[in-house]
């Protein structure tokens, strides 16, 4: 990966840019709710070595690097942001991979052309219709018996109070400037099952994007030093991150990182 990847939404002010790209401006490279640990567990369960992999919204290319390093048969990234496409192309080209500029809902890729489809922290940003469209596209792209692996923001417990969940979603949307719609474990599984998938595995890790321990584990000592330096010298950046941190802390008992590996049936009768 290039040392200084182009950050999507760089034309927007720090006050209005989406929260995950604000964190990227600060120097954060792992932007997934459950961190690098949950991504790694998900990839282990998806068994991607030697497989044809499609990744939706690879962003800065952190997971793309993990994928190609596992010796996949092929890699295709799909991202609607040109900066993200350029970033990830730099990562995967040495491994024979490619990245296309397209929406996850409508990739233009052939039916049954992938063994594994991977998407992280992108379904959360969609409403019900958007979620269903992306999951349906993943199902279309997968060969029979293929798997869809997602890593998203979850709500807990499954019987969370409806008003509390609604308040959380509203405050989260205001804080990160994205209409985030996290779901409970049961709700995420239902979205996948409604598209025809069967659930094989569900995993969790704390939603601790801004905790010192998580950042040290995900970014390393030099990465943490880079983030601290950037935050200290930029007042607007510091304010946005502190606001996000306060929201995450307020709802720490209701937010979680969740990953699901689901399987497309081998036959229509499966």
C-alpha atoms as a PDB file:
ATOM      1  CA  UNK A   1       0.000   0.000   0.000  1.00  0.00           C
ATOM      2  CA  UNK A   2       1.213   3.487  -0.752  1.00  0.00           C
ATOM      3  CA  UNK A   3       2.397   5.372   2.303  1.00  0.00           C
ATOM      4  CA  UNK A   4       0.093   8.288   1.571  1.00  0.00           C
ATOM      5  CA  UNK A   5      -3.110   6.974  -0.013  1.00  0.00           C
ATOM      6  CA  UNK A   6      -5.562   9.486  -1.465  1.00  0.00           C
ATOM      7  CA  UNK A   7      -8.380   9.893   1.040  1.00  0.00           C
ATOM      8  CA  UNK A   8     -11.894   9.860  -0.452  1.00  0.00           C
ATOM      9  CA  UNK A   9     -13.992  13.005   0.185  1.00  0.00           C
ATOM     10  CA  UNK A  10     -10.817  15.085   0.390  1.00  0.00           C
ATOM     11  CA  UNK A  11     -12.781  17.912  -1.250  1.00  0.00           C
ATOM     12  CA  UNK A  12     -15.125  18.128   1.744  1.00  0.00           C
ATOM     13  CA  UNK A  13     -14.407  19.976   4.974  1.00  0.00           C
ATOM     14  CA  UNK A  14     -13.538  18.056   8.117  1.00  0.00           C
ATOM     15  CA  UNK A  15     -16.812  19.240   9.626  1.00  0.00           C
ATOM     16  CA  UNK A  16     -18.954  17.653   6.898  1.00  0.00           C
ATOM     17  CA  UNK A  17     -16.969  14.645   5.624  1.00  0.00           C
ATOM     18  CA  UNK A  18     -18.124  11.142   6.530  1.00  0.00           C
ATOM     19  CA  UNK A  19     -16.743   9.985   9.865  1.00  0.00           C
ATOM     20  CA  UNK A  20     -14.708   7.061   8.538  1.00  0.00           C
ATOM     21  CA  UNK A  21     -12.911   9.311   6.066  1.00  0.00           C
ATOM     22  CA  UNK A  22     -12.255  11.820   8.851  1.00  0.00           C
ATOM     23  CA  UNK A  23     -10.547   9.013  10.774  1.00  0.00           C
ATOM     24  CA  UNK A  24      -8.544   8.225   7.641  1.00  0.00           C
ATOM     25  CA  UNK A  25      -7.428  11.869   7.482  1.00  0.00           C
ATOM     26  CA  UNK A  26      -6.141  11.450  11.015  1.00  0.00           C
ATOM     27  CA  UNK A  27      -3.988   8.592   9.775  1.00  0.00           C
ATOM     28  CA  UNK A  28      -6.151   5.658  10.805  1.00  0.00           C
ATOM     29  CA  UNK A  29      -5.901   2.781   8.332  1.00  0.00           C
ATOM     30  CA  UNK A  30      -8.109   0.117   9.946  1.00  0.00           C
ATOM     31  CA  UNK A  31     -11.646   1.495   9.746  1.00  0.00           C
ATOM     32  CA  UNK A  32     -13.744  -1.604  10.490  1.00  0.00           C
ATOM     33  CA  UNK A  33     -16.017  -1.744  13.580  1.00  0.00           C
ATOM     34  CA  UNK A  34     -14.511  -4.932  15.007  1.00  0.00           C
ATOM     35  CA  UNK A  35     -10.959  -4.042  14.073  1.00  0.00           C
ATOM     36  CA  UNK A  36      -8.267  -6.127  12.445  1.00  0.00           C
ATOM     37  CA  UNK A  37      -8.968  -9.053  14.767  1.00  0.00           C
ATOM     38  CA  UNK A  38     -12.543  -9.528  13.559  1.00  0.00           C
ATOM     39  CA  UNK A  39     -11.519  -9.077   9.917  1.00  0.00           C
ATOM     40  CA  UNK A  40      -8.890 -11.788  10.343  1.00  0.00           C
ATOM     41  CA  UNK A  41     -11.347 -14.161  12.016  1.00  0.00           C
ATOM     42  CA  UNK A  42     -13.841 -13.557   9.199  1.00  0.00           C
ATOM     43  CA  UNK A  43     -11.255 -14.269   6.493  1.00  0.00           C
ATOM     44  CA  UNK A  44     -10.247 -17.458   8.299  1.00  0.00           C
ATOM     45  CA  UNK A  45     -13.847 -18.677   8.335  1.00  0.00           C
ATOM     46  CA  UNK A  46     -14.403 -17.718   4.681  1.00  0.00           C
ATOM     47  CA  UNK A  47     -11.444 -19.917   3.651  1.00  0.00           C
ATOM     48  CA  UNK A  48     -10.361 -17.675   0.772  1.00  0.00           C
ATOM     49  CA  UNK A  49      -7.027 -19.247  -0.227  1.00  0.00           C
ATOM     50  CA  UNK A  50      -7.125 -20.334  -3.864  1.00  0.00           C
ATOM     51  CA  UNK A  51     -10.562 -18.743  -4.361  1.00  0.00           C
ATOM     52  CA  UNK A  52     -11.866 -16.116  -6.774  1.00  0.00           C
ATOM     53  CA  UNK A  53     -12.632 -13.139  -4.530  1.00  0.00           C
ATOM     54  CA  UNK A  54     -14.690  -9.994  -5.089  1.00  0.00           C
ATOM     55  CA  UNK A  55     -14.492  -7.259  -2.444  1.00  0.00           C
ATOM     56  CA  UNK A  56     -17.115  -4.526  -2.186  1.00  0.00           C
ATOM     57  CA  UNK A  57     -15.961  -1.023  -1.128  1.00  0.00           C
ATOM     58  CA  UNK A  58     -12.316  -1.856  -0.300  1.00  0.00           C
ATOM     59  CA  UNK A  59     -11.624   1.790   0.610  1.00  0.00           C
ATOM     60  CA  UNK A  60      -7.988   2.250   1.619  1.00  0.00           C
ATOM     61  CA  UNK A  61      -7.109  -1.326   0.695  1.00  0.00           C
ATOM     62  CA  UNK A  62      -6.179  -2.608   4.146  1.00  0.00           C
ATOM     63  CA  UNK A  63      -8.311  -5.741   3.863  1.00  0.00           C
ATOM     64  CA  UNK A  64      -7.464  -6.087   0.167  1.00  0.00           C
ATOM     65  CA  UNK A  65      -3.815  -6.558   1.191  1.00  0.00           C
ATOM     66  CA  UNK A  66      -4.812  -9.242   3.682  1.00  0.00           C
ATOM     67  CA  UNK A  67      -6.856 -10.978   0.981  1.00  0.00           C
ATOM     68  CA  UNK A  68      -4.216 -11.082  -1.756  1.00  0.00           C
ATOM     69  CA  UNK A  69      -1.547 -12.124   0.746  1.00  0.00           C
ATOM     70  CA  UNK A  70      -3.571 -15.293   1.389  1.00  0.00           C
ATOM     71  CA  UNK A  71      -2.919 -16.572  -2.113  1.00  0.00           C
ATOM     72  CA  UNK A  72      -6.321 -16.109  -3.688  1.00  0.00           C
ATOM     73  CA  UNK A  73      -6.913 -17.273  -7.257  1.00  0.00           C
ATOM     74  CA  UNK A  74      -8.067 -13.798  -8.302  1.00  0.00           C
ATOM     75  CA  UNK A  75      -9.095 -10.495  -6.725  1.00  0.00           C
ATOM     76  CA  UNK A  76     -11.574  -7.921  -8.027  1.00  0.00           C
ATOM     77  CA  UNK A  77     -12.378  -4.841  -5.960  1.00  0.00           C
ATOM     78  CA  UNK A  78     -15.513  -2.777  -6.578  1.00  0.00           C
ATOM     79  CA  UNK A  79     -15.633   0.813  -5.332  1.00  0.00           C
ATOM     80  CA  UNK A  80     -17.661   3.823  -6.426  1.00  0.00           C
ATOM     81  CA  UNK A  81     -14.985   6.292  -5.298  1.00  0.00           C
ATOM     82  CA  UNK A  82     -12.187   6.923  -7.851  1.00  0.00           C
ATOM     83  CA  UNK A  83      -9.646   7.673  -5.105  1.00  0.00           C
ATOM     84  CA  UNK A  84     -10.396   4.352  -3.444  1.00  0.00           C
ATOM     85  CA  UNK A  85     -10.063   2.574  -6.788  1.00  0.00           C
ATOM     86  CA  UNK A  86      -6.600   4.081  -7.292  1.00  0.00           C
ATOM     87  CA  UNK A  87      -5.513   3.234  -3.736  1.00  0.00           C
ATOM     88  CA  UNK A  88      -6.537  -0.395  -3.938  1.00  0.00           C
ATOM     89  CA  UNK A  89      -5.218  -0.864  -7.476  1.00  0.00           C
ATOM     90  CA  UNK A  90      -1.753  -0.027  -6.140  1.00  0.00           C
ATOM     91  CA  UNK A  91      -2.176  -2.735  -3.509  1.00  0.00           C
ATOM     92  CA  UNK A  92      -3.468  -5.567  -5.677  1.00  0.00           C
ATOM     93  CA  UNK A  93      -1.720  -5.046  -9.034  1.00  0.00           C
ATOM     94  CA  UNK A  94       1.450  -6.889  -7.917  1.00  0.00           C
ATOM     95  CA  UNK A  95      -0.789  -9.886  -7.198  1.00  0.00           C
ATOM     96  CA  UNK A  96      -2.648  -9.753 -10.517  1.00  0.00           C
ATOM     97  CA  UNK A  97      -5.734  -8.147  -8.995  1.00  0.00           C
ATOM     98  CA  UNK A  98      -7.884  -5.383 -10.411  1.00  0.00           C
ATOM     99  CA  UNK A  99     -10.339  -2.776  -9.135  1.00  0.00           C
ATOM    100  CA  UNK A 100     -13.346  -1.410 -10.996  1.00  0.00           C
ATOM    101  CA  UNK A 101     -15.184   1.873 -10.468  1.00  0.00           C
ATOM    102  CA  UNK A 102     -18.780   0.768  -9.915  1.00  0.00           C
ATOM    103  CA  UNK A 103     -21.512   0.530  -7.311  1.00  0.00           C
ATOM    104  CA  UNK A 104     -21.833  -2.598  -5.210  1.00  0.00           C
ATOM    105  CA  UNK A 105     -25.529  -2.751  -6.148  1.00  0.00           C
ATOM    106  CA  UNK A 106     -24.659  -2.992  -9.839  1.00  0.00           C
ATOM    107  CA  UNK A 107     -21.120  -4.223 -10.407  1.00  0.00           C
ATOM    108  CA  UNK A 108     -21.527  -5.302 -14.021  1.00  0.00           C
ATOM    109  CA  UNK A 109     -19.537  -8.452 -13.261  1.00  0.00           C
ATOM    110  CA  UNK A 110     -20.739 -11.809 -14.649  1.00  0.00           C
ATOM    111  CA  UNK A 111     -23.127 -14.133 -12.838  1.00  0.00           C
ATOM    112  CA  UNK A 112     -21.508 -16.840 -10.692  1.00  0.00           C
ATOM    113  CA  UNK A 113     -18.037 -15.376 -11.278  1.00  0.00           C
ATOM    114  CA  UNK A 114     -16.842 -15.416  -7.645  1.00  0.00           C
ATOM    115  CA  UNK A 115     -16.214 -18.032  -4.976  1.00  0.00           C
ATOM    116  CA  UNK A 116     -16.180 -15.467  -2.178  1.00  0.00           C
ATOM    117  CA  UNK A 117     -17.655 -11.964  -1.886  1.00  0.00           C
ATOM    118  CA  UNK A 118     -16.419  -9.777   0.966  1.00  0.00           C
ATOM    119  CA  UNK A 119     -17.830  -6.495   2.235  1.00  0.00           C
ATOM    120  CA  UNK A 120     -16.956  -4.535   5.356  1.00  0.00           C
ATOM    121  CA  UNK A 121     -18.519  -1.494   7.004  1.00  0.00           C
ATOM    122  CA  UNK A 122     -20.594  -0.679   3.938  1.00  0.00           C
ATOM    123  CA  UNK A 123     -23.991  -2.336   4.377  1.00  0.00           C
ATOM    124  CA  UNK A 124     -24.305  -0.394   7.642  1.00  0.00           C
ATOM    125  CA  UNK A 125     -24.307   2.821   5.611  1.00  0.00           C
ATOM    126  CA  UNK A 126     -27.348   1.725   3.581  1.00  0.00           C
ATOM    127  CA  UNK A 127     -31.066   1.839   4.244  1.00  0.00           C
ATOM    128  CA  UNK A 128     -33.183  -1.291   3.986  1.00  0.00           C
ATOM    129  CA  UNK A 129     -33.498  -1.083   0.181  1.00  0.00           C
ATOM    130  CA  UNK A 130     -29.781  -0.495  -0.317  1.00  0.00           C
ATOM    131  CA  UNK A 131     -28.859  -3.389   1.955  1.00  0.00           C
ATOM    132  CA  UNK A 132     -31.171  -5.741   0.067  1.00  0.00           C
ATOM    133  CA  UNK A 133     -29.816  -4.653  -3.326  1.00  0.00           C
ATOM    134  CA  UNK A 134     -26.179  -5.164  -2.344  1.00  0.00           C
ATOM    135  CA  UNK A 135     -26.831  -8.550  -0.742  1.00  0.00           C
ATOM    136  CA  UNK A 136     -28.770  -9.624  -3.852  1.00  0.00           C
ATOM    137  CA  UNK A 137     -25.820  -8.591  -6.035  1.00  0.00           C
ATOM    138  CA  UNK A 138     -23.462 -10.639  -3.874  1.00  0.00           C
ATOM    139  CA  UNK A 139     -25.769 -13.642  -4.274  1.00  0.00           C
ATOM    140  CA  UNK A 140     -25.819 -13.168  -8.064  1.00  0.00           C
ATOM    141  CA  UNK A 141     -22.029 -12.936  -8.303  1.00  0.00           C
ATOM    142  CA  UNK A 142     -21.398 -16.085  -6.289  1.00  0.00           C
ATOM    143  CA  UNK A 143     -21.090 -19.509  -7.825  1.00  0.00           C
ATOM    144  CA  UNK A 144     -23.273 -22.153  -6.149  1.00  0.00           C
ATOM    145  CA  UNK A 145     -21.661 -23.069  -2.834  1.00  0.00           C
ATOM    146  CA  UNK A 146     -19.801 -19.746  -2.636  1.00  0.00           C
ATOM    147  CA  UNK A 147     -19.784 -17.601   0.486  1.00  0.00           C
ATOM    148  CA  UNK A 148     -20.508 -13.994   1.375  1.00  0.00           C
ATOM    149  CA  UNK A 149     -18.536 -12.572   4.299  1.00  0.00           C
ATOM    150  CA  UNK A 150     -19.546  -9.288   5.918  1.00  0.00           C
ATOM    151  CA  UNK A 151     -18.114  -7.230   8.790  1.00  0.00           C
ATOM    152  CA  UNK A 152     -20.497  -4.540   9.964  1.00  0.00           C
ATOM    153  CA  UNK A 153     -21.676  -2.440  12.886  1.00  0.00           C
ATOM    154  CA  UNK A 154     -24.118  -4.304  15.086  1.00  0.00           C
ATOM    155  CA  UNK A 155     -26.651  -3.501  17.778  1.00  0.00           C
ATOM    156  CA  UNK A 156     -26.887  -5.569  20.934  1.00  0.00           C
ATOM    157  CA  UNK A 157     -28.757  -7.283  22.480  1.00  0.00           C
ATOM    158  CA  UNK A 158     -31.166  -8.772  19.949  1.00  0.00           C
ATOM    159  CA  UNK A 159     -34.095  -7.482  21.994  1.00  0.00           C
ATOM    160  CA  UNK A 160     -32.703  -3.944  22.296  1.00  0.00           C
ATOM    161  CA  UNK A 161     -35.370  -1.390  23.150  1.00  0.00           C
ATOM    162  CA  UNK A 162     -36.765   0.026  19.907  1.00  0.00           C
ATOM    163  CA  UNK A 163     -36.663   3.633  21.115  1.00  0.00           C
ATOM    164  CA  UNK A 164     -33.081   3.265  22.326  1.00  0.00           C
ATOM    165  CA  UNK A 165     -32.058   1.793  18.971  1.00  0.00           C
ATOM    166  CA  UNK A 166     -33.778   4.628  17.119  1.00  0.00           C
ATOM    167  CA  UNK A 167     -32.097   7.282  19.274  1.00  0.00           C
ATOM    168  CA  UNK A 168     -28.734   5.584  18.787  1.00  0.00           C
ATOM    169  CA  UNK A 169     -29.106   5.528  15.004  1.00  0.00           C
ATOM    170  CA  UNK A 170     -30.117   9.196  14.906  1.00  0.00           C
ATOM    171  CA  UNK A 171     -27.208  10.335  17.060  1.00  0.00           C
ATOM    172  CA  UNK A 172     -24.783   8.147  15.135  1.00  0.00           C
ATOM    173  CA  UNK A 173     -25.979   9.622  11.834  1.00  0.00           C
ATOM    174  CA  UNK A 174     -25.527  13.166  13.149  1.00  0.00           C
ATOM    175  CA  UNK A 175     -22.082  12.399  14.528  1.00  0.00           C
ATOM    176  CA  UNK A 176     -20.530  10.556  11.596  1.00  0.00           C
ATOM    177  CA  UNK A 177     -22.423  12.474   8.866  1.00  0.00           C
ATOM    178  CA  UNK A 178     -23.639   9.210   7.318  1.00  0.00           C
ATOM    179  CA  UNK A 179     -27.111   7.720   7.629  1.00  0.00           C
ATOM    180  CA  UNK A 180     -25.778   4.651   9.415  1.00  0.00           C
ATOM    181  CA  UNK A 181     -28.299   1.877  10.032  1.00  0.00           C
ATOM    182  CA  UNK A 182     -26.673  -0.804  12.219  1.00  0.00           C
ATOM    183  CA  UNK A 183     -28.732  -3.939  12.909  1.00  0.00           C
ATOM    184  CA  UNK A 184     -28.904  -6.626  15.575  1.00  0.00           C
ATOM    185  CA  UNK A 185     -27.435 -10.081  14.973  1.00  0.00           C
ATOM    186  CA  UNK A 186     -30.882 -11.474  14.182  1.00  0.00           C
ATOM    187  CA  UNK A 187     -31.619  -8.623  11.782  1.00  0.00           C
ATOM    188  CA  UNK A 188     -28.322  -8.988   9.907  1.00  0.00           C
ATOM    189  CA  UNK A 189     -28.894 -12.719   9.545  1.00  0.00           C
ATOM    190  CA  UNK A 190     -32.439 -12.093   8.337  1.00  0.00           C
ATOM    191  CA  UNK A 191     -31.216  -9.753   5.583  1.00  0.00           C
ATOM    192  CA  UNK A 192     -28.875 -12.472   4.337  1.00  0.00           C
ATOM    193  CA  UNK A 193     -31.377 -15.304   4.676  1.00  0.00           C
ATOM    194  CA  UNK A 194     -34.042 -13.339   2.809  1.00  0.00           C
ATOM    195  CA  UNK A 195     -31.665 -13.207  -0.174  1.00  0.00           C
ATOM    196  CA  UNK A 196     -31.244 -16.986  -0.150  1.00  0.00           C
ATOM    197  CA  UNK A 197     -28.120 -17.410   1.986  1.00  0.00           C
ATOM    198  CA  UNK A 198     -27.653 -19.842   4.855  1.00  0.00           C
ATOM    199  CA  UNK A 199     -25.737 -18.603   7.900  1.00  0.00           C
ATOM    200  CA  UNK A 200     -22.546 -20.520   8.689  1.00  0.00           C
ATOM    201  CA  UNK A 201     -20.782 -18.390  11.278  1.00  0.00           C
ATOM    202  CA  UNK A 202     -21.275 -15.224  13.313  1.00  0.00           C
ATOM    203  CA  UNK A 203     -18.480 -13.522  15.260  1.00  0.00           C
ATOM    204  CA  UNK A 204     -18.189 -10.438  17.445  1.00  0.00           C
ATOM    205  CA  UNK A 205     -15.547  -8.032  18.699  1.00  0.00           C
ATOM    206  CA  UNK A 206     -16.071  -4.808  20.676  1.00  0.00           C
ATOM    207  CA  UNK A 207     -16.791  -1.659  18.664  1.00  0.00           C
ATOM    208  CA  UNK A 208     -13.666   0.118  19.869  1.00  0.00           C
ATOM    209  CA  UNK A 209     -12.512   2.127  16.846  1.00  0.00           C
ATOM    210  CA  UNK A 210     -11.112   4.922  18.995  1.00  0.00           C
ATOM    211  CA  UNK A 211      -9.851   3.060  22.058  1.00  0.00           C
ATOM    212  CA  UNK A 212      -6.093   3.293  22.715  1.00  0.00           C
ATOM    213  CA  UNK A 213      -5.731  -0.487  23.040  1.00  0.00           C
ATOM    214  CA  UNK A 214      -7.529  -1.177  19.746  1.00  0.00           C
ATOM    215  CA  UNK A 215      -5.520   1.450  17.899  1.00  0.00           C
ATOM    216  CA  UNK A 216      -2.248   0.060  19.186  1.00  0.00           C
ATOM    217  CA  UNK A 217      -3.281  -3.423  18.032  1.00  0.00           C
ATOM    218  CA  UNK A 218      -4.542  -2.259  14.627  1.00  0.00           C
ATOM    219  CA  UNK A 219      -2.190   0.583  13.738  1.00  0.00           C
ATOM    220  CA  UNK A 220       1.001  -0.241  15.624  1.00  0.00           C
ATOM    221  CA  UNK A 221       3.117   2.177  17.646  1.00  0.00           C
ATOM    222  CA  UNK A 222       4.178   4.282  14.663  1.00  0.00           C
ATOM    223  CA  UNK A 223       0.604   4.430  13.402  1.00  0.00           C
ATOM    224  CA  UNK A 224      -0.673   5.634  16.760  1.00  0.00           C
ATOM    225  CA  UNK A 225       2.070   8.274  16.872  1.00  0.00           C
ATOM    226  CA  UNK A 226       1.007   9.442  13.391  1.00  0.00           C
ATOM    227  CA  UNK A 227      -2.625   9.710  14.473  1.00  0.00           C
ATOM    228  CA  UNK A 228      -1.790  11.633  17.657  1.00  0.00           C
ATOM    229  CA  UNK A 229       0.385  14.073  15.713  1.00  0.00           C
ATOM    230  CA  UNK A 230      -2.331  14.729  13.133  1.00  0.00           C
ATOM    231  CA  UNK A 231      -5.063  15.174  15.727  1.00  0.00           C
ATOM    232  CA  UNK A 232      -3.033  17.544  17.900  1.00  0.00           C
ATOM    233  CA  UNK A 233      -2.214  19.907  15.055  1.00  0.00           C
ATOM    234  CA  UNK A 234      -5.718  20.119  13.531  1.00  0.00           C
ATOM    235  CA  UNK A 235      -8.448  21.639  15.702  1.00  0.00           C
ATOM    236  CA  UNK A 236     -11.370  20.663  13.434  1.00  0.00           C
ATOM    237  CA  UNK A 237     -10.085  17.115  13.130  1.00  0.00           C
ATOM    238  CA  UNK A 238      -9.667  16.886  16.886  1.00  0.00           C
ATOM    239  CA  UNK A 239     -13.208  18.144  17.512  1.00  0.00           C
ATOM    240  CA  UNK A 240     -14.810  15.697  15.065  1.00  0.00           C
ATOM    241  CA  UNK A 241     -12.947  12.747  16.532  1.00  0.00           C
ATOM    242  CA  UNK A 242     -13.749  13.729  20.120  1.00  0.00           C
ATOM    243  CA  UNK A 243     -17.427  14.023  19.188  1.00  0.00           C
ATOM    244  CA  UNK A 244     -17.406  10.583  17.578  1.00  0.00           C
ATOM    245  CA  UNK A 245     -15.569   9.131  20.550  1.00  0.00           C
ATOM    246  CA  UNK A 246     -18.174  10.556  22.935  1.00  0.00           C
ATOM    247  CA  UNK A 247     -21.007   8.953  20.947  1.00  0.00           C
ATOM    248  CA  UNK A 248     -19.241   5.600  20.765  1.00  0.00           C
ATOM    249  CA  UNK A 249     -18.619   5.756  24.512  1.00  0.00           C
ATOM    250  CA  UNK A 250     -22.227   6.696  25.299  1.00  0.00           C
ATOM    251  CA  UNK A 251     -23.543   3.681  23.409  1.00  0.00           C
ATOM    252  CA  UNK A 252     -20.674   1.260  24.056  1.00  0.00           C
ATOM    253  CA  UNK A 253     -23.049  -1.304  25.607  1.00  0.00           C
ATOM    254  CA  UNK A 254     -25.327  -1.258  22.542  1.00  0.00           C
ATOM    255  CA  UNK A 255     -22.722  -1.204  19.735  1.00  0.00           C
ATOM    256  CA  UNK A 256     -20.615  -4.135  18.577  1.00  0.00           C
ATOM    257  CA  UNK A 257     -18.551  -5.241  15.634  1.00  0.00           C
ATOM    258  CA  UNK A 258     -20.250  -8.190  13.958  1.00  0.00           C
ATOM    259  CA  UNK A 259     -19.064 -10.473  11.169  1.00  0.00           C
ATOM    260  CA  UNK A 260     -21.152 -13.069   9.349  1.00  0.00           C
ATOM    261  CA  UNK A 261     -20.159 -15.742   6.854  1.00  0.00           C
ATOM    262  CA  UNK A 262     -23.116 -16.962   4.791  1.00  0.00           C
ATOM    263  CA  UNK A 263     -23.286 -19.612   2.078  1.00  0.00           C
ATOM    264  CA  UNK A 264     -25.089 -19.676  -1.262  1.00  0.00           C
ATOM    265  CA  UNK A 265     -26.715 -23.103  -1.669  1.00  0.00           C
ATOM    266  CA  UNK A 266     -24.986 -25.518  -4.034  1.00  0.00           C
ATOM    267  CA  UNK A 267     -28.325 -26.300  -5.658  1.00  0.00           C
ATOM    268  CA  UNK A 268     -31.772 -24.734  -5.528  1.00  0.00           C
ATOM    269  CA  UNK A 269     -32.899 -27.595  -3.300  1.00  0.00           C
ATOM    270  CA  UNK A 270     -30.157 -27.019  -0.671  1.00  0.00           C
END
